Amino acid sequence: MPDPLAQIVSLLQPDLSYAKVVEAAGCWRIRRVENGFAFFFAALAGAVRLDIKGQQTLLIERGDFVLIPAACEFTSSSIDGAPASGRDSMPVEIRPNVFRLGDQMGEPDVRMLVGHCAFASPDAALLVSLLPSLIHARGEPRLTTLIQLAVEESRGERAGRDVVLARLMEVLFIEALRSSGPHCPSGILRGLGDERVAAAMRAIHERPTAAWDVPGLAKAAAMSRSAFFERFRRTVGMAPMEYLLHWRMVLAKRLLEDGKMAVAEIARQVGYSSASTFSVAFSRHVGATPTIYARQRSVADVSERATLAQPEPVSAFG
């Protein structure tokens, strides 16, 4: 049976954009605006207060790992409070890719590895919507190790660097998501933690071309139709047929981007009996016909690759 979580992370194509080590001493505060990037934070020493818009304040302690798949606005600060001036702290680069916050002379009491990554998938917004908005893992040293390996690999020029980095980022995301699955309010992780719902989800991922309907998926989950529908909707956050449609469209977009198949063949690959039926569904869901979408993506990919390749200025804090 296919693994839906592995499939989704693979389709997201996480790309390490930037990472750095930050040391801090005394009182400090820094505000960040990530514009939807995935932000990660690993506490190597000490403790940090993390305030995320719309979330409860978190105390991040040594060994903790935080992943925000679509970060927008948050603040990290010393546990003793913000600076007396009330102003945000300015990071100072003390060594290549190592920054200092707060007291520049005192012995650092906090050390953290922070950074962000981008998703190459054009359907990242949908895929991220299936993931939890915040992951806080405790007692998972493998996550910090994976980040450190990814950072080291990103700075080297060894053969196979891009392939190794891509796989490391995929494993990092899977490990992070695994650590929080049972605690998610809804989404694919919560669904995969429910034995009945997971059976239906795996059936969809195994045979996306099948003529699925609610009774068929309920049978796969060994539940009555009404009980299954409500349980799936409550657990995953969307109705079963909506999930099926979204997943088929994700697969269709990937095939259109590859440019190796005709629209009629892609229609069959994602469960539609004809190219015209598929085109209508795709246009309604995406806002463009399959042909126009493929043409637009071929142009957009060039621009996106150039953007991802641009290094972040070393003086920027995230």
C-alpha atoms as a PDB file:
ATOM      1  CA  MET A   1       0.000   0.000   0.000  1.00  0.00           C
ATOM      2  CA  PRO A   2       1.322   3.501  -0.764  1.00  0.00           C
ATOM      3  CA  ASP A   3       2.194   5.850   2.062  1.00  0.00           C
ATOM      4  CA  PRO A   4       0.114   9.061   1.697  1.00  0.00           C
ATOM      5  CA  LEU A   5       2.416  11.048   3.982  1.00  0.00           C
ATOM      6  CA  ALA A   6       5.518  10.117   1.984  1.00  0.00           C
ATOM      7  CA  GLN A   7       3.718  10.918  -1.270  1.00  0.00           C
ATOM      8  CA  ILE A   8       2.657  14.363  -0.078  1.00  0.00           C
ATOM      9  CA  VAL A   9       6.111  15.293   1.240  1.00  0.00           C
ATOM     10  CA  SER A  10       7.687  14.074  -2.000  1.00  0.00           C
ATOM     11  CA  LEU A  11       5.281  16.190  -4.047  1.00  0.00           C
ATOM     12  CA  LEU A  12       5.944  19.248  -1.871  1.00  0.00           C
ATOM     13  CA  GLN A  13       9.619  19.183  -2.941  1.00  0.00           C
ATOM     14  CA  PRO A  14      11.000  20.999   0.132  1.00  0.00           C
ATOM     15  CA  ASP A  15      14.106  23.021  -0.731  1.00  0.00           C
ATOM     16  CA  LEU A  16      16.456  24.351   1.960  1.00  0.00           C
ATOM     17  CA  SER A  17      16.539  28.107   1.405  1.00  0.00           C
ATOM     18  CA  TYR A  18      18.572  29.319   4.366  1.00  0.00           C
ATOM     19  CA  ALA A  19      19.789  28.190   7.772  1.00  0.00           C
ATOM     20  CA  LYS A  20      22.061  29.675  10.407  1.00  0.00           C
ATOM     21  CA  VAL A  21      23.188  29.370  13.999  1.00  0.00           C
ATOM     22  CA  VAL A  22      21.987  32.035  16.441  1.00  0.00           C
ATOM     23  CA  GLU A  23      23.480  32.646  19.889  1.00  0.00           C
ATOM     24  CA  ALA A  24      21.898  34.924  22.501  1.00  0.00           C
ATOM     25  CA  ALA A  25      22.551  36.322  25.952  1.00  0.00           C
ATOM     26  CA  GLY A  26      20.605  38.619  28.269  1.00  0.00           C
ATOM     27  CA  CYS A  27      17.293  40.128  27.147  1.00  0.00           C
ATOM     28  CA  TRP A  28      16.423  40.119  23.453  1.00  0.00           C
ATOM     29  CA  ARG A  29      13.486  39.914  21.068  1.00  0.00           C
ATOM     30  CA  ILE A  30      13.220  39.419  17.316  1.00  0.00           C
ATOM     31  CA  ARG A  31      10.113  39.568  15.113  1.00  0.00           C
ATOM     32  CA  ARG A  32       9.941  37.590  11.920  1.00  0.00           C
ATOM     33  CA  VAL A  33       7.729  37.688   8.847  1.00  0.00           C
ATOM     34  CA  GLU A  34       8.190  34.587   6.700  1.00  0.00           C
ATOM     35  CA  ASN A  35       5.611  35.232   3.963  1.00  0.00           C
ATOM     36  CA  GLY A  36       4.449  31.633   3.939  1.00  0.00           C
ATOM     37  CA  PHE A  37       7.870  29.941   3.960  1.00  0.00           C
ATOM     38  CA  ALA A  38       8.292  26.815   6.053  1.00  0.00           C
ATOM     39  CA  PHE A  39      10.258  27.821   9.162  1.00  0.00           C
ATOM     40  CA  PHE A  40      12.186  25.455  11.418  1.00  0.00           C
ATOM     41  CA  PHE A  41      13.797  26.041  14.774  1.00  0.00           C
ATOM     42  CA  ALA A  42      16.013  23.653  16.766  1.00  0.00           C
ATOM     43  CA  ALA A  43      17.064  24.567  20.317  1.00  0.00           C
ATOM     44  CA  LEU A  44      20.656  23.418  20.841  1.00  0.00           C
ATOM     45  CA  ALA A  45      21.120  25.039  24.274  1.00  0.00           C
ATOM     46  CA  GLY A  46      19.039  27.131  26.659  1.00  0.00           C
ATOM     47  CA  ALA A  47      15.367  28.078  26.350  1.00  0.00           C
ATOM     48  CA  VAL A  48      13.423  30.499  24.143  1.00  0.00           C
ATOM     49  CA  ARG A  49       9.930  31.999  24.264  1.00  0.00           C
ATOM     50  CA  LEU A  50       8.084  31.637  20.956  1.00  0.00           C
ATOM     51  CA  ASP A  51       4.932  33.668  20.236  1.00  0.00           C
ATOM     52  CA  ILE A  52       3.127  32.735  17.034  1.00  0.00           C
ATOM     53  CA  LYS A  53       0.137  34.681  15.797  1.00  0.00           C
ATOM     54  CA  GLY A  54      -3.014  32.726  16.563  1.00  0.00           C
ATOM     55  CA  GLN A  55      -1.212  30.201  18.796  1.00  0.00           C
ATOM     56  CA  GLN A  56      -0.462  29.909  22.495  1.00  0.00           C
ATOM     57  CA  THR A  57       3.000  30.980  23.685  1.00  0.00           C
ATOM     58  CA  LEU A  58       5.505  28.128  23.523  1.00  0.00           C
ATOM     59  CA  LEU A  59       8.521  27.545  25.729  1.00  0.00           C
ATOM     60  CA  ILE A  60      11.180  25.986  23.511  1.00  0.00           C
ATOM     61  CA  GLU A  61      13.843  24.128  25.490  1.00  0.00           C
ATOM     62  CA  ARG A  62      17.072  22.357  24.628  1.00  0.00           C
ATOM     63  CA  GLY A  63      16.427  19.438  22.305  1.00  0.00           C
ATOM     64  CA  ASP A  64      13.070  20.805  21.080  1.00  0.00           C
ATOM     65  CA  PHE A  65      12.260  21.147  17.404  1.00  0.00           C
ATOM     66  CA  VAL A  66       9.615  23.435  15.881  1.00  0.00           C
ATOM     67  CA  LEU A  67       8.356  23.320  12.312  1.00  0.00           C
ATOM     68  CA  ILE A  68       5.818  25.792  10.911  1.00  0.00           C
ATOM     69  CA  PRO A  69       4.898  24.624   7.372  1.00  0.00           C
ATOM     70  CA  ALA A  70       3.516  28.050   6.401  1.00  0.00           C
ATOM     71  CA  ALA A  71       4.885  30.692   8.769  1.00  0.00           C
ATOM     72  CA  CYS A  72       3.577  34.251   8.536  1.00  0.00           C
ATOM     73  CA  GLU A  73       4.288  36.250  11.687  1.00  0.00           C
ATOM     74  CA  PHE A  74       5.897  35.309  14.990  1.00  0.00           C
ATOM     75  CA  THR A  75       8.268  36.542  17.681  1.00  0.00           C
ATOM     76  CA  SER A  76      11.060  34.779  19.531  1.00  0.00           C
ATOM     77  CA  SER A  77      12.515  36.252  22.704  1.00  0.00           C
ATOM     78  CA  SER A  78      14.484  35.531  25.854  1.00  0.00           C
ATOM     79  CA  ILE A  79      12.507  33.902  28.645  1.00  0.00           C
ATOM     80  CA  ASP A  80      13.367  36.874  30.893  1.00  0.00           C
ATOM     81  CA  GLY A  81      11.382  39.206  28.659  1.00  0.00           C
ATOM     82  CA  ALA A  82      12.007  41.795  25.965  1.00  0.00           C
ATOM     83  CA  PRO A  83      14.732  44.462  26.117  1.00  0.00           C
ATOM     84  CA  ALA A  84      14.004  47.405  28.413  1.00  0.00           C
ATOM     85  CA  SER A  85      13.974  49.722  25.400  1.00  0.00           C
ATOM     86  CA  GLY A  86      11.008  47.818  23.985  1.00  0.00           C
ATOM     87  CA  ARG A  87      12.782  47.652  20.639  1.00  0.00           C
ATOM     88  CA  ASP A  88      13.494  44.542  18.649  1.00  0.00           C
ATOM     89  CA  SER A  89      17.068  43.296  18.835  1.00  0.00           C
ATOM     90  CA  MET A  90      19.407  43.572  15.882  1.00  0.00           C
ATOM     91  CA  PRO A  91      21.388  40.421  15.083  1.00  0.00           C
ATOM     92  CA  VAL A  92      25.132  40.790  14.672  1.00  0.00           C
ATOM     93  CA  GLU A  93      27.112  38.348  12.573  1.00  0.00           C
ATOM     94  CA  ILE A  94      30.086  37.304  14.716  1.00  0.00           C
ATOM     95  CA  ARG A  95      31.313  34.488  12.487  1.00  0.00           C
ATOM     96  CA  PRO A  96      30.284  33.280   9.020  1.00  0.00           C
ATOM     97  CA  ASN A  97      26.617  32.305   9.298  1.00  0.00           C
ATOM     98  CA  VAL A  98      26.640  32.646  13.092  1.00  0.00           C
ATOM     99  CA  PHE A  99      24.634  35.530  14.588  1.00  0.00           C
ATOM    100  CA  ARG A 100      24.461  37.039  18.073  1.00  0.00           C
ATOM    101  CA  LEU A 101      21.454  38.568  19.842  1.00  0.00           C
ATOM    102  CA  GLY A 102      21.187  40.573  23.058  1.00  0.00           C
ATOM    103  CA  ASP A 103      24.289  41.079  25.186  1.00  0.00           C
ATOM    104  CA  GLN A 104      27.220  40.985  22.785  1.00  0.00           C
ATOM    105  CA  MET A 105      29.824  40.486  25.520  1.00  0.00           C
ATOM    106  CA  GLY A 106      28.185  38.021  27.899  1.00  0.00           C
ATOM    107  CA  GLU A 107      28.478  34.247  27.688  1.00  0.00           C
ATOM    108  CA  PRO A 108      25.627  32.988  25.448  1.00  0.00           C
ATOM    109  CA  ASP A 109      22.912  31.137  27.328  1.00  0.00           C
ATOM    110  CA  VAL A 110      20.938  30.258  24.195  1.00  0.00           C
ATOM    111  CA  ARG A 111      22.087  28.540  21.028  1.00  0.00           C
ATOM    112  CA  MET A 112      19.698  27.624  18.228  1.00  0.00           C
ATOM    113  CA  LEU A 113      19.653  26.506  14.623  1.00  0.00           C
ATOM    114  CA  VAL A 114      17.007  28.372  12.618  1.00  0.00           C
ATOM    115  CA  GLY A 115      16.097  28.610   8.975  1.00  0.00           C
ATOM    116  CA  HIS A 116      13.441  28.248   6.344  1.00  0.00           C
ATOM    117  CA  CYS A 117      12.763  26.344   3.177  1.00  0.00           C
ATOM    118  CA  ALA A 118      10.573  26.782   0.139  1.00  0.00           C
ATOM    119  CA  PHE A 119       8.327  24.274  -1.622  1.00  0.00           C
ATOM    120  CA  ALA A 120       8.867  23.774  -5.340  1.00  0.00           C
ATOM    121  CA  SER A 121       5.416  22.258  -5.812  1.00  0.00           C
ATOM    122  CA  PRO A 122       2.930  24.565  -7.574  1.00  0.00           C
ATOM    123  CA  ASP A 123       0.231  22.987  -5.428  1.00  0.00           C
ATOM    124  CA  ALA A 124       2.055  23.616  -2.164  1.00  0.00           C
ATOM    125  CA  ALA A 125      -0.832  25.584  -0.638  1.00  0.00           C
ATOM    126  CA  LEU A 126      -3.191  22.613  -0.934  1.00  0.00           C
ATOM    127  CA  LEU A 127      -0.635  20.114   0.308  1.00  0.00           C
ATOM    128  CA  VAL A 128       0.358  22.305   3.259  1.00  0.00           C
ATOM    129  CA  SER A 129      -3.319  22.697   4.157  1.00  0.00           C
ATOM    130  CA  LEU A 130      -3.363  18.950   4.867  1.00  0.00           C
ATOM    131  CA  LEU A 131      -0.545  19.345   7.398  1.00  0.00           C
ATOM    132  CA  PRO A 132      -0.686  20.755  10.934  1.00  0.00           C
ATOM    133  CA  SER A 133      -0.082  24.508  11.226  1.00  0.00           C
ATOM    134  CA  LEU A 134       2.512  23.975  13.969  1.00  0.00           C
ATOM    135  CA  ILE A 135       4.729  21.064  14.950  1.00  0.00           C
ATOM    136  CA  HIS A 136       6.512  21.103  18.322  1.00  0.00           C
ATOM    137  CA  ALA A 137       8.595  17.977  18.830  1.00  0.00           C
ATOM    138  CA  ARG A 138      10.319  17.198  22.111  1.00  0.00           C
ATOM    139  CA  GLY A 139      12.863  14.460  22.690  1.00  0.00           C
ATOM    140  CA  GLU A 140      13.506  13.850  18.966  1.00  0.00           C
ATOM    141  CA  PRO A 141      17.295  14.322  18.513  1.00  0.00           C
ATOM    142  CA  ARG A 142      17.102  12.825  15.019  1.00  0.00           C
ATOM    143  CA  LEU A 143      15.418  16.017  13.809  1.00  0.00           C
ATOM    144  CA  THR A 144      18.278  18.259  14.903  1.00  0.00           C
ATOM    145  CA  THR A 145      20.779  15.827  13.395  1.00  0.00           C
ATOM    146  CA  LEU A 146      18.929  15.864  10.074  1.00  0.00           C
ATOM    147  CA  ILE A 147      18.908  19.680   9.967  1.00  0.00           C
ATOM    148  CA  GLN A 148      22.619  19.835  10.724  1.00  0.00           C
ATOM    149  CA  LEU A 149      23.322  17.302   7.957  1.00  0.00           C
ATOM    150  CA  ALA A 150      21.190  19.320   5.513  1.00  0.00           C
ATOM    151  CA  VAL A 151      22.967  22.566   6.404  1.00  0.00           C
ATOM    152  CA  GLU A 152      26.405  20.963   6.006  1.00  0.00           C
ATOM    153  CA  GLU A 153      25.384  19.452   2.674  1.00  0.00           C
ATOM    154  CA  SER A 154      23.989  22.756   1.408  1.00  0.00           C
ATOM    155  CA  ARG A 155      27.325  24.484   2.025  1.00  0.00           C
ATOM    156  CA  GLY A 156      29.442  21.854   0.288  1.00  0.00           C
ATOM    157  CA  GLU A 157      30.162  21.251  -3.375  1.00  0.00           C
ATOM    158  CA  ARG A 158      30.332  17.471  -3.296  1.00  0.00           C
ATOM    159  CA  ALA A 159      29.029  15.268  -6.091  1.00  0.00           C
ATOM    160  CA  GLY A 160      25.332  14.459  -5.784  1.00  0.00           C
ATOM    161  CA  ARG A 161      24.744  17.433  -3.472  1.00  0.00           C
ATOM    162  CA  ASP A 162      21.300  18.331  -4.833  1.00  0.00           C
ATOM    163  CA  VAL A 163      20.006  14.752  -4.670  1.00  0.00           C
ATOM    164  CA  VAL A 164      21.290  14.235  -1.123  1.00  0.00           C
ATOM    165  CA  LEU A 165      19.880  17.573   0.020  1.00  0.00           C
ATOM    166  CA  ALA A 166      16.464  16.835  -1.501  1.00  0.00           C
ATOM    167  CA  ARG A 167      16.276  13.468   0.250  1.00  0.00           C
ATOM    168  CA  LEU A 168      17.435  14.913   3.574  1.00  0.00           C
ATOM    169  CA  MET A 169      14.741  17.580   3.475  1.00  0.00           C
ATOM    170  CA  GLU A 170      12.081  14.985   2.666  1.00  0.00           C
ATOM    171  CA  VAL A 171      13.213  12.772   5.556  1.00  0.00           C
ATOM    172  CA  LEU A 172      13.312  15.813   7.862  1.00  0.00           C
ATOM    173  CA  PHE A 173       9.715  16.690   7.061  1.00  0.00           C
ATOM    174  CA  ILE A 174       8.508  13.118   7.445  1.00  0.00           C
ATOM    175  CA  GLU A 175      10.250  12.747  10.815  1.00  0.00           C
ATOM    176  CA  ALA A 176       8.814  16.054  12.034  1.00  0.00           C
ATOM    177  CA  LEU A 177       5.305  15.167  10.901  1.00  0.00           C
ATOM    178  CA  ARG A 178       5.510  11.701  12.409  1.00  0.00           C
ATOM    179  CA  SER A 179       6.344  13.200  15.784  1.00  0.00           C
ATOM    180  CA  SER A 180       3.118  15.207  15.994  1.00  0.00           C
ATOM    181  CA  GLY A 181       0.575  13.173  14.041  1.00  0.00           C
ATOM    182  CA  PRO A 182      -1.647  11.940  16.914  1.00  0.00           C
ATOM    183  CA  HIS A 183      -1.874  15.443  18.407  1.00  0.00           C
ATOM    184  CA  CYS A 184      -3.102  17.275  15.297  1.00  0.00           C
ATOM    185  CA  PRO A 185      -6.652  18.672  15.426  1.00  0.00           C
ATOM    186  CA  SER A 186      -7.286  17.629  11.811  1.00  0.00           C
ATOM    187  CA  GLY A 187      -5.528  16.948   8.541  1.00  0.00           C
ATOM    188  CA  ILE A 188      -3.778  14.064   6.864  1.00  0.00           C
ATOM    189  CA  LEU A 189      -1.716  13.192   9.941  1.00  0.00           C
ATOM    190  CA  ARG A 190      -4.797  12.927  12.119  1.00  0.00           C
ATOM    191  CA  GLY A 191      -6.474  10.885   9.398  1.00  0.00           C
ATOM    192  CA  LEU A 192      -3.559   8.476   9.127  1.00  0.00           C
ATOM    193  CA  GLY A 193      -3.702   8.052  12.904  1.00  0.00           C
ATOM    194  CA  ASP A 194      -7.298   6.797  12.644  1.00  0.00           C
ATOM    195  CA  GLU A 195      -7.307   3.152  11.538  1.00  0.00           C
ATOM    196  CA  ARG A 196     -10.628   3.366   9.680  1.00  0.00           C
ATOM    197  CA  VAL A 197     -10.031   6.711   7.981  1.00  0.00           C
ATOM    198  CA  ALA A 198      -6.453   5.720   7.107  1.00  0.00           C
ATOM    199  CA  ALA A 199      -7.754   2.645   5.267  1.00  0.00           C
ATOM    200  CA  ALA A 200      -9.852   4.875   2.992  1.00  0.00           C
ATOM    201  CA  MET A 201      -7.048   7.370   2.462  1.00  0.00           C
ATOM    202  CA  ARG A 202      -4.597   4.635   1.507  1.00  0.00           C
ATOM    203  CA  ALA A 203      -7.166   3.182  -0.889  1.00  0.00           C
ATOM    204  CA  ILE A 204      -7.423   6.583  -2.617  1.00  0.00           C
ATOM    205  CA  HIS A 205      -3.645   6.895  -2.895  1.00  0.00           C
ATOM    206  CA  GLU A 206      -3.247   3.304  -4.068  1.00  0.00           C
ATOM    207  CA  ARG A 207      -5.927   3.526  -6.774  1.00  0.00           C
ATOM    208  CA  PRO A 208      -6.693   7.174  -7.618  1.00  0.00           C
ATOM    209  CA  THR A 209      -8.142   6.033 -10.954  1.00  0.00           C
ATOM    210  CA  ALA A 210     -10.848   3.888  -9.352  1.00  0.00           C
ATOM    211  CA  ALA A 211     -14.476   5.019  -9.573  1.00  0.00           C
ATOM    212  CA  TRP A 212     -14.594   5.913  -5.901  1.00  0.00           C
ATOM    213  CA  ASP A 213     -17.739   7.120  -4.170  1.00  0.00           C
ATOM    214  CA  VAL A 214     -18.647   7.473  -0.509  1.00  0.00           C
ATOM    215  CA  PRO A 215     -20.164   3.952  -0.243  1.00  0.00           C
ATOM    216  CA  GLY A 216     -17.019   2.446  -1.797  1.00  0.00           C
ATOM    217  CA  LEU A 217     -14.689   4.318   0.519  1.00  0.00           C
ATOM    218  CA  ALA A 218     -16.908   3.506   3.507  1.00  0.00           C
ATOM    219  CA  LYS A 219     -16.590  -0.174   2.580  1.00  0.00           C
ATOM    220  CA  ALA A 220     -12.787   0.165   2.465  1.00  0.00           C
ATOM    221  CA  ALA A 221     -12.972   1.653   5.963  1.00  0.00           C
ATOM    222  CA  ALA A 222     -15.375  -1.084   7.133  1.00  0.00           C
ATOM    223  CA  MET A 223     -17.932   1.497   8.271  1.00  0.00           C
ATOM    224  CA  SER A 224     -21.462   2.557   7.454  1.00  0.00           C
ATOM    225  CA  ARG A 225     -21.747   5.335   4.868  1.00  0.00           C
ATOM    226  CA  SER A 226     -23.026   8.037   7.230  1.00  0.00           C
ATOM    227  CA  ALA A 227     -20.619   7.202  10.071  1.00  0.00           C
ATOM    228  CA  PHE A 228     -17.660   7.102   7.666  1.00  0.00           C
ATOM    229  CA  PHE A 229     -18.531  10.407   5.998  1.00  0.00           C
ATOM    230  CA  GLU A 230     -18.767  12.255   9.308  1.00  0.00           C
ATOM    231  CA  ARG A 231     -15.635  10.629  10.744  1.00  0.00           C
ATOM    232  CA  PHE A 232     -13.567  11.367   7.635  1.00  0.00           C
ATOM    233  CA  ARG A 233     -14.759  14.976   7.451  1.00  0.00           C
ATOM    234  CA  ARG A 234     -14.119  15.617  11.139  1.00  0.00           C
ATOM    235  CA  THR A 235     -10.712  13.919  11.155  1.00  0.00           C
ATOM    236  CA  VAL A 236      -9.201  15.084   7.860  1.00  0.00           C
ATOM    237  CA  GLY A 237     -10.934  18.453   7.706  1.00  0.00           C
ATOM    238  CA  MET A 238     -12.676  17.885   4.378  1.00  0.00           C
ATOM    239  CA  ALA A 239     -15.249  15.488   2.897  1.00  0.00           C
ATOM    240  CA  PRO A 240     -14.005  12.203   1.344  1.00  0.00           C
ATOM    241  CA  MET A 241     -14.872  13.131  -2.240  1.00  0.00           C
ATOM    242  CA  GLU A 242     -13.297  16.570  -1.792  1.00  0.00           C
ATOM    243  CA  TYR A 243     -10.086  14.892  -0.669  1.00  0.00           C
ATOM    244  CA  LEU A 244     -10.232  12.565  -3.668  1.00  0.00           C
ATOM    245  CA  LEU A 245     -10.724  15.496  -6.055  1.00  0.00           C
ATOM    246  CA  HIS A 246      -7.849  17.461  -4.527  1.00  0.00           C
ATOM    247  CA  TRP A 247      -5.515  14.481  -4.709  1.00  0.00           C
ATOM    248  CA  ARG A 248      -6.397  13.771  -8.339  1.00  0.00           C
ATOM    249  CA  MET A 249      -5.759  17.405  -9.222  1.00  0.00           C
ATOM    250  CA  VAL A 250      -2.372  17.304  -7.471  1.00  0.00           C
ATOM    251  CA  LEU A 251      -1.416  14.249  -9.537  1.00  0.00           C
ATOM    252  CA  ALA A 252      -2.751  15.839 -12.715  1.00  0.00           C
ATOM    253  CA  LYS A 253      -0.701  18.985 -12.185  1.00  0.00           C
ATOM    254  CA  ARG A 254       2.453  16.947 -11.711  1.00  0.00           C
ATOM    255  CA  LEU A 255       1.822  15.003 -14.936  1.00  0.00           C
ATOM    256  CA  LEU A 256       1.076  18.204 -16.857  1.00  0.00           C
ATOM    257  CA  GLU A 257       4.325  19.752 -15.604  1.00  0.00           C
ATOM    258  CA  ASP A 258       6.291  16.716 -16.746  1.00  0.00           C
ATOM    259  CA  GLY A 259       4.964  17.294 -20.256  1.00  0.00           C
ATOM    260  CA  LYS A 260       5.355  13.632 -21.248  1.00  0.00           C
ATOM    261  CA  MET A 261       1.682  12.726 -21.688  1.00  0.00           C
ATOM    262  CA  ALA A 262      -1.233  13.963 -23.735  1.00  0.00           C
ATOM    263  CA  VAL A 263      -4.219  15.379 -21.861  1.00  0.00           C
ATOM    264  CA  ALA A 264      -6.321  12.306 -22.697  1.00  0.00           C
ATOM    265  CA  GLU A 265      -3.739   9.985 -21.146  1.00  0.00           C
ATOM    266  CA  ILE A 266      -3.436  12.168 -18.060  1.00  0.00           C
ATOM    267  CA  ALA A 267      -7.225  12.086 -17.705  1.00  0.00           C
ATOM    268  CA  ARG A 268      -7.111   8.273 -17.580  1.00  0.00           C
ATOM    269  CA  GLN A 269      -4.180   8.340 -15.144  1.00  0.00           C
ATOM    270  CA  VAL A 270      -6.176  10.364 -12.613  1.00  0.00           C
ATOM    271  CA  GLY A 271      -9.503   8.596 -12.912  1.00  0.00           C
ATOM    272  CA  TYR A 272     -11.517  10.372 -15.634  1.00  0.00           C
ATOM    273  CA  SER A 273     -13.218   8.544 -18.471  1.00  0.00           C
ATOM    274  CA  SER A 274     -12.552  11.230 -21.077  1.00  0.00           C
ATOM    275  CA  ALA A 275     -10.335  14.220 -21.753  1.00  0.00           C
ATOM    276  CA  SER A 276     -13.340  16.539 -21.897  1.00  0.00           C
ATOM    277  CA  THR A 277     -14.664  15.458 -18.475  1.00  0.00           C
ATOM    278  CA  PHE A 278     -11.200  15.876 -16.996  1.00  0.00           C
ATOM    279  CA  SER A 279     -10.725  19.283 -18.625  1.00  0.00           C
ATOM    280  CA  VAL A 280     -13.999  20.567 -17.170  1.00  0.00           C
ATOM    281  CA  ALA A 281     -13.114  19.337 -13.668  1.00  0.00           C
ATOM    282  CA  PHE A 282      -9.553  20.665 -13.916  1.00  0.00           C
ATOM    283  CA  SER A 283     -10.662  24.069 -15.200  1.00  0.00           C
ATOM    284  CA  ARG A 284     -13.239  24.407 -12.423  1.00  0.00           C
ATOM    285  CA  HIS A 285     -10.698  23.455  -9.759  1.00  0.00           C
ATOM    286  CA  VAL A 286      -7.610  25.280 -11.055  1.00  0.00           C
ATOM    287  CA  GLY A 287      -9.089  28.159 -13.050  1.00  0.00           C
ATOM    288  CA  ALA A 288      -7.350  27.235 -16.314  1.00  0.00           C
ATOM    289  CA  THR A 289      -7.591  24.440 -18.847  1.00  0.00           C
ATOM    290  CA  PRO A 290      -4.974  21.664 -18.640  1.00  0.00           C
ATOM    291  CA  THR A 291      -3.266  22.924 -21.806  1.00  0.00           C
ATOM    292  CA  ILE A 292      -3.058  26.525 -20.610  1.00  0.00           C
ATOM    293  CA  TYR A 293      -1.892  25.410 -17.154  1.00  0.00           C
ATOM    294  CA  ALA A 294       0.954  23.337 -18.643  1.00  0.00           C
ATOM    295  CA  ARG A 295       2.041  26.266 -20.793  1.00  0.00           C
ATOM    296  CA  GLN A 296       1.974  28.688 -17.840  1.00  0.00           C
ATOM    297  CA  ARG A 297       3.952  26.321 -15.636  1.00  0.00           C
ATOM    298  CA  SER A 298       6.710  25.861 -18.206  1.00  0.00           C
ATOM    299  CA  VAL A 299       7.284  29.622 -18.097  1.00  0.00           C
ATOM    300  CA  ALA A 300       6.868  29.934 -14.313  1.00  0.00           C
ATOM    301  CA  ASP A 301       9.310  27.109 -13.550  1.00  0.00           C
ATOM    302  CA  VAL A 302      12.198  29.057 -15.044  1.00  0.00           C
ATOM    303  CA  SER A 303      11.449  32.052 -12.831  1.00  0.00           C
ATOM    304  CA  GLU A 304      10.940  29.923  -9.687  1.00  0.00           C
ATOM    305  CA  ARG A 305      14.202  28.049 -10.131  1.00  0.00           C
ATOM    306  CA  ALA A 306      16.050  31.347 -10.471  1.00  0.00           C
ATOM    307  CA  THR A 307      14.418  32.643  -7.270  1.00  0.00           C
ATOM    308  CA  LEU A 308      15.241  29.495  -5.282  1.00  0.00           C
ATOM    309  CA  ALA A 309      18.839  29.656  -6.470  1.00  0.00           C
ATOM    310  CA  GLN A 310      19.407  33.174  -5.110  1.00  0.00           C
ATOM    311  CA  PRO A 311      21.320  33.065  -1.811  1.00  0.00           C
ATOM    312  CA  GLU A 312      19.960  35.055   1.083  1.00  0.00           C
ATOM    313  CA  PRO A 313      22.130  38.041   2.126  1.00  0.00           C
ATOM    314  CA  VAL A 314      24.255  36.999   5.097  1.00  0.00           C
ATOM    315  CA  SER A 315      23.213  40.125   7.014  1.00  0.00           C
ATOM    316  CA  ALA A 316      19.524  39.176   6.947  1.00  0.00           C
ATOM    317  CA  PHE A 317      18.025  37.451   9.951  1.00  0.00           C
ATOM    318  CA  GLY A 318      15.864  34.870   8.266  1.00  0.00           C
END
